[in-house]
Amino acid sequence: MFRRIRDLREDNDLTQKQVARQLNCSQQVYSNYELGQRDIPTDILIKLSKIYNVSADYILELSDNPNMQK
């Protein structure tokens, strides 16, 4: 999961600081999410899903299909 959020961020040409700003958290907190040093709260998972327009299951690595279910 942690590698996937880093890959999504990099694929979208965003910095950790830019994503952290959208999540209303510090760059350090977001960095800890990417490093797996901090669990990602549900509300942050939902926000990440919306930022990248992918399903939460994709971020959680429960699915390899990034498409959001309609």
C-alpha atoms as a PDB file:
ATOM      1  CA  MET A   1       0.000   0.000   0.000  1.00  0.00           C
ATOM      2  CA  PHE A   2       2.765   2.422   0.895  1.00  0.00           C
ATOM      3  CA  ARG A   3       4.618   1.962  -2.360  1.00  0.00           C
ATOM      4  CA  ARG A   4       1.367   2.374  -4.259  1.00  0.00           C
ATOM      5  CA  ILE A   5       0.615   5.826  -2.818  1.00  0.00           C
ATOM      6  CA  ARG A   6       4.163   6.911  -3.625  1.00  0.00           C
ATOM      7  CA  ASP A   7       3.834   5.600  -7.172  1.00  0.00           C
ATOM      8  CA  LEU A   8       0.479   7.350  -7.633  1.00  0.00           C
ATOM      9  CA  ARG A   9       1.967  10.612  -6.395  1.00  0.00           C
ATOM     10  CA  GLU A  10       4.978  10.337  -8.678  1.00  0.00           C
ATOM     11  CA  ASP A  11       2.842   9.298 -11.664  1.00  0.00           C
ATOM     12  CA  ASN A  12       0.844  12.500 -11.140  1.00  0.00           C
ATOM     13  CA  ASP A  13       4.011  14.624 -10.887  1.00  0.00           C
ATOM     14  CA  LEU A  14       3.169  15.789  -7.374  1.00  0.00           C
ATOM     15  CA  THR A  15       5.488  16.432  -4.456  1.00  0.00           C
ATOM     16  CA  GLN A  16       4.838  15.155  -0.964  1.00  0.00           C
ATOM     17  CA  LYS A  17       4.268  18.733   0.104  1.00  0.00           C
ATOM     18  CA  GLN A  18       1.587  19.252  -2.560  1.00  0.00           C
ATOM     19  CA  VAL A  19      -0.286  16.091  -1.549  1.00  0.00           C
ATOM     20  CA  ALA A  20       0.072  16.903   2.149  1.00  0.00           C
ATOM     21  CA  ARG A  21      -1.483  20.323   1.504  1.00  0.00           C
ATOM     22  CA  GLN A  22      -4.506  18.669  -0.166  1.00  0.00           C
ATOM     23  CA  LEU A  23      -4.817  16.300   2.798  1.00  0.00           C
ATOM     24  CA  ASN A  24      -4.457  19.093   5.363  1.00  0.00           C
ATOM     25  CA  CYS A  25      -1.484  17.437   7.024  1.00  0.00           C
ATOM     26  CA  SER A  26       2.227  18.158   7.228  1.00  0.00           C
ATOM     27  CA  GLN A  27       4.716  16.908   4.664  1.00  0.00           C
ATOM     28  CA  GLN A  28       6.342  14.842   7.435  1.00  0.00           C
ATOM     29  CA  VAL A  29       3.071  13.083   8.300  1.00  0.00           C
ATOM     30  CA  TYR A  30       2.480  12.319   4.631  1.00  0.00           C
ATOM     31  CA  SER A  31       6.048  11.067   4.278  1.00  0.00           C
ATOM     32  CA  ASN A  32       5.384   8.685   7.169  1.00  0.00           C
ATOM     33  CA  TYR A  33       2.371   7.314   5.275  1.00  0.00           C
ATOM     34  CA  GLU A  34       4.537   6.618   2.228  1.00  0.00           C
ATOM     35  CA  LEU A  35       7.240   4.984   4.341  1.00  0.00           C
ATOM     36  CA  GLY A  36       4.744   2.792   6.177  1.00  0.00           C
ATOM     37  CA  GLN A  37       5.701   4.350   9.489  1.00  0.00           C
ATOM     38  CA  ARG A  38       2.184   5.545  10.139  1.00  0.00           C
ATOM     39  CA  ASP A  39      -1.150   3.889   9.379  1.00  0.00           C
ATOM     40  CA  ILE A  40      -3.316   5.769   6.921  1.00  0.00           C
ATOM     41  CA  PRO A  41      -6.601   6.836   8.544  1.00  0.00           C
ATOM     42  CA  THR A  42      -9.802   6.066   6.672  1.00  0.00           C
ATOM     43  CA  ASP A  43     -10.548   9.724   5.945  1.00  0.00           C
ATOM     44  CA  ILE A  44      -7.087  10.175   4.411  1.00  0.00           C
ATOM     45  CA  LEU A  45      -7.529   7.001   2.351  1.00  0.00           C
ATOM     46  CA  ILE A  46     -10.788   8.382   0.974  1.00  0.00           C
ATOM     47  CA  LYS A  47      -9.150  11.723   0.136  1.00  0.00           C
ATOM     48  CA  LEU A  48      -6.257   9.970  -1.617  1.00  0.00           C
ATOM     49  CA  SER A  49      -8.743   7.919  -3.604  1.00  0.00           C
ATOM     50  CA  LYS A  50     -10.442  11.121  -4.762  1.00  0.00           C
ATOM     51  CA  ILE A  51      -7.180  12.969  -5.491  1.00  0.00           C
ATOM     52  CA  TYR A  52      -5.942  10.178  -7.768  1.00  0.00           C
ATOM     53  CA  ASN A  53      -9.386   9.083  -9.013  1.00  0.00           C
ATOM     54  CA  VAL A  54      -8.737   5.471  -8.075  1.00  0.00           C
ATOM     55  CA  SER A  55     -10.575   3.047  -5.830  1.00  0.00           C
ATOM     56  CA  ALA A  56      -9.628   2.640  -2.188  1.00  0.00           C
ATOM     57  CA  ASP A  57      -9.210  -1.082  -2.954  1.00  0.00           C
ATOM     58  CA  TYR A  58      -6.507  -0.161  -5.459  1.00  0.00           C
ATOM     59  CA  ILE A  59      -4.637   1.914  -2.886  1.00  0.00           C
ATOM     60  CA  LEU A  60      -5.006  -0.898  -0.335  1.00  0.00           C
ATOM     61  CA  GLU A  61      -3.699  -3.371  -2.939  1.00  0.00           C
ATOM     62  CA  LEU A  62      -6.872  -5.432  -2.739  1.00  0.00           C
ATOM     63  CA  SER A  63      -7.278  -4.902  -6.475  1.00  0.00           C
ATOM     64  CA  ASP A  64      -4.963  -4.244  -9.387  1.00  0.00           C
ATOM     65  CA  ASN A  65      -7.765  -2.372 -11.152  1.00  0.00           C
ATOM     66  CA  PRO A  66      -7.424   1.358 -10.390  1.00  0.00           C
ATOM     67  CA  ASN A  67     -10.879   2.223 -11.760  1.00  0.00           C
ATOM     68  CA  MET A  68     -13.391   3.465  -9.275  1.00  0.00           C
ATOM     69  CA  GLN A  69     -16.573   1.426  -9.126  1.00  0.00           C
ATOM     70  CA  LYS A  70     -19.686   3.292 -10.222  1.00  0.00           C
END
